[in-house]
Amino acid sequence: MSYGSAAALQAAVYAQLTSAAALAGVLVVDAVPTGSGAGTFVLIGPEEVIDQADKTGGGAEHRLVVSVISDATGFAAAKAVAVAVSDALDDASLVLTRGRLVSLRFLRARAQRLDAGGARRIDLSFRARLED
């Protein structure tokens, strides 16, 4: 197993999201912005890594979550941003500074209300297969 490409994967995901035209003007972060994050933003979140090494070399499956958090009324604004995130990442050809991305696929999404309905959160789960 190798966790060696984890930081490179996060950097590539960040670069892909911040360069996506459909996400222009949307803040992309890996920690909730100061002041609890008013507005709509994309949060690069948790990750689970599973060994995928074989006799040919090291590798890992990264299951990562990218969240859209919005205080806009209703789910429409958050879903529009979530679609842009999904479009930007699903089957993307990311270039990593360490390792090689074999595949990046959308797995599932979960939409929920937060703060007694005052905010919305959509968690998009992706599976990235890396060789190190």
C-alpha atoms as a PDB file:
ATOM      1  CA  MET A   1       0.000   0.000   0.000  1.00  0.00           C
ATOM      2  CA  SER A   2       1.030   3.552  -0.513  1.00  0.00           C
ATOM      3  CA  TYR A   3      -0.391   6.740   0.928  1.00  0.00           C
ATOM      4  CA  GLY A   4       2.363   8.593  -0.893  1.00  0.00           C
ATOM      5  CA  SER A   5       0.135  10.161  -3.545  1.00  0.00           C
ATOM      6  CA  ALA A   6      -2.551  11.490  -1.165  1.00  0.00           C
ATOM      7  CA  ALA A   7      -1.288  15.075  -1.060  1.00  0.00           C
ATOM      8  CA  ALA A   8      -0.720  15.052  -4.824  1.00  0.00           C
ATOM      9  CA  LEU A   9      -4.298  13.843  -5.370  1.00  0.00           C
ATOM     10  CA  GLN A  10      -5.724  16.598  -3.166  1.00  0.00           C
ATOM     11  CA  ALA A  11      -3.666  19.242  -4.982  1.00  0.00           C
ATOM     12  CA  ALA A  12      -4.829  17.944  -8.370  1.00  0.00           C
ATOM     13  CA  VAL A  13      -8.479  17.875  -7.268  1.00  0.00           C
ATOM     14  CA  TYR A  14      -8.137  21.443  -5.985  1.00  0.00           C
ATOM     15  CA  ALA A  15      -6.538  22.573  -9.258  1.00  0.00           C
ATOM     16  CA  GLN A  16      -9.263  20.864 -11.302  1.00  0.00           C
ATOM     17  CA  LEU A  17     -12.074  22.472  -9.292  1.00  0.00           C
ATOM     18  CA  THR A  18     -10.567  25.959  -9.199  1.00  0.00           C
ATOM     19  CA  SER A  19      -9.963  25.911 -12.961  1.00  0.00           C
ATOM     20  CA  ALA A  20     -13.470  24.698 -13.878  1.00  0.00           C
ATOM     21  CA  ALA A  21     -15.347  27.483 -15.665  1.00  0.00           C
ATOM     22  CA  ALA A  22     -18.668  26.342 -14.162  1.00  0.00           C
ATOM     23  CA  LEU A  23     -17.226  26.925 -10.667  1.00  0.00           C
ATOM     24  CA  ALA A  24     -15.850  30.415 -11.363  1.00  0.00           C
ATOM     25  CA  GLY A  25     -16.401  32.577  -8.282  1.00  0.00           C
ATOM     26  CA  VAL A  26     -17.110  29.600  -5.997  1.00  0.00           C
ATOM     27  CA  LEU A  27     -14.664  29.266  -3.112  1.00  0.00           C
ATOM     28  CA  VAL A  28     -12.880  25.870  -2.947  1.00  0.00           C
ATOM     29  CA  VAL A  29     -11.322  25.060   0.441  1.00  0.00           C
ATOM     30  CA  ASP A  30     -10.182  22.147   2.620  1.00  0.00           C
ATOM     31  CA  ALA A  31     -11.414  23.730   5.869  1.00  0.00           C
ATOM     32  CA  VAL A  32     -14.626  25.610   6.645  1.00  0.00           C
ATOM     33  CA  PRO A  33     -13.922  29.313   6.086  1.00  0.00           C
ATOM     34  CA  THR A  34     -13.612  31.595   9.096  1.00  0.00           C
ATOM     35  CA  GLY A  35     -16.990  32.897  10.212  1.00  0.00           C
ATOM     36  CA  SER A  36     -18.680  29.504   9.615  1.00  0.00           C
ATOM     37  CA  GLY A  37     -18.579  29.856   5.842  1.00  0.00           C
ATOM     38  CA  ALA A  38     -21.506  32.004   4.769  1.00  0.00           C
ATOM     39  CA  GLY A  39     -22.521  31.729   1.121  1.00  0.00           C
ATOM     40  CA  THR A  40     -21.866  28.750  -1.089  1.00  0.00           C
ATOM     41  CA  PHE A  41     -18.525  26.967  -1.132  1.00  0.00           C
ATOM     42  CA  VAL A  42     -16.891  23.652  -2.004  1.00  0.00           C
ATOM     43  CA  LEU A  43     -15.142  21.743   0.773  1.00  0.00           C
ATOM     44  CA  ILE A  44     -12.556  19.088  -0.068  1.00  0.00           C
ATOM     45  CA  GLY A  45     -13.199  16.736   2.797  1.00  0.00           C
ATOM     46  CA  PRO A  46     -12.548  13.328   4.283  1.00  0.00           C
ATOM     47  CA  GLU A  47     -10.754  10.542   2.524  1.00  0.00           C
ATOM     48  CA  GLU A  48     -10.445   6.816   3.116  1.00  0.00           C
ATOM     49  CA  VAL A  49      -7.553   4.938   1.524  1.00  0.00           C
ATOM     50  CA  ILE A  50      -7.506   1.214   0.821  1.00  0.00           C
ATOM     51  CA  ASP A  51      -4.464  -0.815  -0.244  1.00  0.00           C
ATOM     52  CA  GLN A  52      -4.490  -1.824  -3.908  1.00  0.00           C
ATOM     53  CA  ALA A  53      -0.836  -2.844  -4.272  1.00  0.00           C
ATOM     54  CA  ASP A  54      -0.010  -5.887  -6.318  1.00  0.00           C
ATOM     55  CA  LYS A  55       3.134  -7.625  -7.552  1.00  0.00           C
ATOM     56  CA  THR A  56       3.695  -4.893 -10.150  1.00  0.00           C
ATOM     57  CA  GLY A  57       3.873  -2.053  -7.606  1.00  0.00           C
ATOM     58  CA  GLY A  58       2.231   0.131  -5.011  1.00  0.00           C
ATOM     59  CA  GLY A  59      -1.227   1.477  -5.396  1.00  0.00           C
ATOM     60  CA  ALA A  60      -4.248   2.603  -3.464  1.00  0.00           C
ATOM     61  CA  GLU A  61      -7.935   3.315  -3.798  1.00  0.00           C
ATOM     62  CA  HIS A  62      -8.836   6.728  -2.407  1.00  0.00           C
ATOM     63  CA  ARG A  63     -12.459   7.305  -1.522  1.00  0.00           C
ATOM     64  CA  LEU A  64     -12.835  11.037  -1.144  1.00  0.00           C
ATOM     65  CA  VAL A  65     -15.716  13.327  -0.326  1.00  0.00           C
ATOM     66  CA  VAL A  66     -16.180  16.764  -1.847  1.00  0.00           C
ATOM     67  CA  SER A  67     -18.991  18.750  -0.241  1.00  0.00           C
ATOM     68  CA  VAL A  68     -21.023  21.690  -1.416  1.00  0.00           C
ATOM     69  CA  ILE A  69     -22.275  23.816   1.471  1.00  0.00           C
ATOM     70  CA  SER A  70     -24.713  26.651   0.883  1.00  0.00           C
ATOM     71  CA  ASP A  71     -26.869  29.001   2.918  1.00  0.00           C
ATOM     72  CA  ALA A  72     -28.986  29.774  -0.156  1.00  0.00           C
ATOM     73  CA  THR A  73     -32.704  29.078   0.172  1.00  0.00           C
ATOM     74  CA  GLY A  74     -33.619  25.643  -1.152  1.00  0.00           C
ATOM     75  CA  PHE A  75     -31.402  23.041  -2.766  1.00  0.00           C
ATOM     76  CA  ALA A  76     -31.300  24.486  -6.301  1.00  0.00           C
ATOM     77  CA  ALA A  77     -28.149  26.616  -5.827  1.00  0.00           C
ATOM     78  CA  ALA A  78     -26.271  23.853  -4.005  1.00  0.00           C
ATOM     79  CA  LYS A  79     -27.280  21.268  -6.615  1.00  0.00           C
ATOM     80  CA  ALA A  80     -26.083  23.502  -9.465  1.00  0.00           C
ATOM     81  CA  VAL A  81     -22.651  23.721  -7.825  1.00  0.00           C
ATOM     82  CA  ALA A  82     -22.677  19.985  -7.050  1.00  0.00           C
ATOM     83  CA  VAL A  83     -23.348  19.213 -10.714  1.00  0.00           C
ATOM     84  CA  ALA A  84     -20.382  21.398 -11.685  1.00  0.00           C
ATOM     85  CA  VAL A  85     -18.162  19.569  -9.169  1.00  0.00           C
ATOM     86  CA  SER A  86     -19.297  16.185 -10.461  1.00  0.00           C
ATOM     87  CA  ASP A  87     -18.761  17.230 -14.076  1.00  0.00           C
ATOM     88  CA  ALA A  88     -15.274  18.546 -13.264  1.00  0.00           C
ATOM     89  CA  LEU A  89     -14.110  15.428 -11.427  1.00  0.00           C
ATOM     90  CA  ASP A  90     -15.898  12.394 -12.869  1.00  0.00           C
ATOM     91  CA  ASP A  91     -13.506  10.623 -15.238  1.00  0.00           C
ATOM     92  CA  ALA A  92     -11.083  13.581 -15.119  1.00  0.00           C
ATOM     93  CA  SER A  93      -7.511  13.089 -16.315  1.00  0.00           C
ATOM     94  CA  LEU A  94      -5.670  14.672 -13.411  1.00  0.00           C
ATOM     95  CA  VAL A  95      -1.911  15.034 -13.508  1.00  0.00           C
ATOM     96  CA  LEU A  96      -0.304  14.285 -10.137  1.00  0.00           C
ATOM     97  CA  THR A  97       3.069  15.438  -8.835  1.00  0.00           C
ATOM     98  CA  ARG A  98       3.518  11.949  -7.391  1.00  0.00           C
ATOM     99  CA  GLY A  99       1.971   8.757  -8.676  1.00  0.00           C
ATOM    100  CA  ARG A 100      -0.453   8.222 -11.523  1.00  0.00           C
ATOM    101  CA  LEU A 101      -4.217   8.483 -11.582  1.00  0.00           C
ATOM    102  CA  VAL A 102      -5.692   5.343 -13.105  1.00  0.00           C
ATOM    103  CA  SER A 103      -9.328   6.388 -12.743  1.00  0.00           C
ATOM    104  CA  LEU A 104     -11.575   8.858 -10.949  1.00  0.00           C
ATOM    105  CA  ARG A 105     -15.255   7.996 -10.738  1.00  0.00           C
ATOM    106  CA  PHE A 106     -18.348   9.396  -9.054  1.00  0.00           C
ATOM    107  CA  LEU A 107     -19.825   6.952  -6.505  1.00  0.00           C
ATOM    108  CA  ARG A 108     -22.779   8.642  -4.809  1.00  0.00           C
ATOM    109  CA  ALA A 109     -24.201  11.851  -3.383  1.00  0.00           C
ATOM    110  CA  ARG A 110     -26.135  12.720  -0.252  1.00  0.00           C
ATOM    111  CA  ALA A 111     -28.071  15.978   0.146  1.00  0.00           C
ATOM    112  CA  GLN A 112     -29.201  17.187   3.551  1.00  0.00           C
ATOM    113  CA  ARG A 113     -30.438  20.236   5.424  1.00  0.00           C
ATOM    114  CA  LEU A 114     -28.270  21.749   8.158  1.00  0.00           C
ATOM    115  CA  ASP A 115     -28.949  24.230  10.946  1.00  0.00           C
ATOM    116  CA  ALA A 116     -32.692  23.558  11.139  1.00  0.00           C
ATOM    117  CA  GLY A 117     -33.001  24.140   7.394  1.00  0.00           C
ATOM    118  CA  GLY A 118     -30.877  27.302   7.260  1.00  0.00           C
ATOM    119  CA  ALA A 119     -28.183  25.676   5.127  1.00  0.00           C
ATOM    120  CA  ARG A 120     -27.774  22.843   2.651  1.00  0.00           C
ATOM    121  CA  ARG A 121     -24.972  20.300   2.273  1.00  0.00           C
ATOM    122  CA  ILE A 122     -24.378  17.900  -0.579  1.00  0.00           C
ATOM    123  CA  ASP A 123     -21.627  15.316  -0.086  1.00  0.00           C
ATOM    124  CA  LEU A 124     -20.286  13.892  -3.352  1.00  0.00           C
ATOM    125  CA  SER A 125     -18.241  10.698  -3.010  1.00  0.00           C
ATOM    126  CA  PHE A 126     -15.615   9.729  -5.556  1.00  0.00           C
ATOM    127  CA  ARG A 127     -13.310   6.735  -6.016  1.00  0.00           C
ATOM    128  CA  ALA A 128      -9.804   7.418  -7.266  1.00  0.00           C
ATOM    129  CA  ARG A 129      -7.475   4.547  -8.152  1.00  0.00           C
ATOM    130  CA  LEU A 130      -3.803   5.531  -7.961  1.00  0.00           C
ATOM    131  CA  GLU A 131      -0.525   3.843  -8.764  1.00  0.00           C
ATOM    132  CA  ASP A 132       2.550   5.007  -6.846  1.00  0.00           C
END
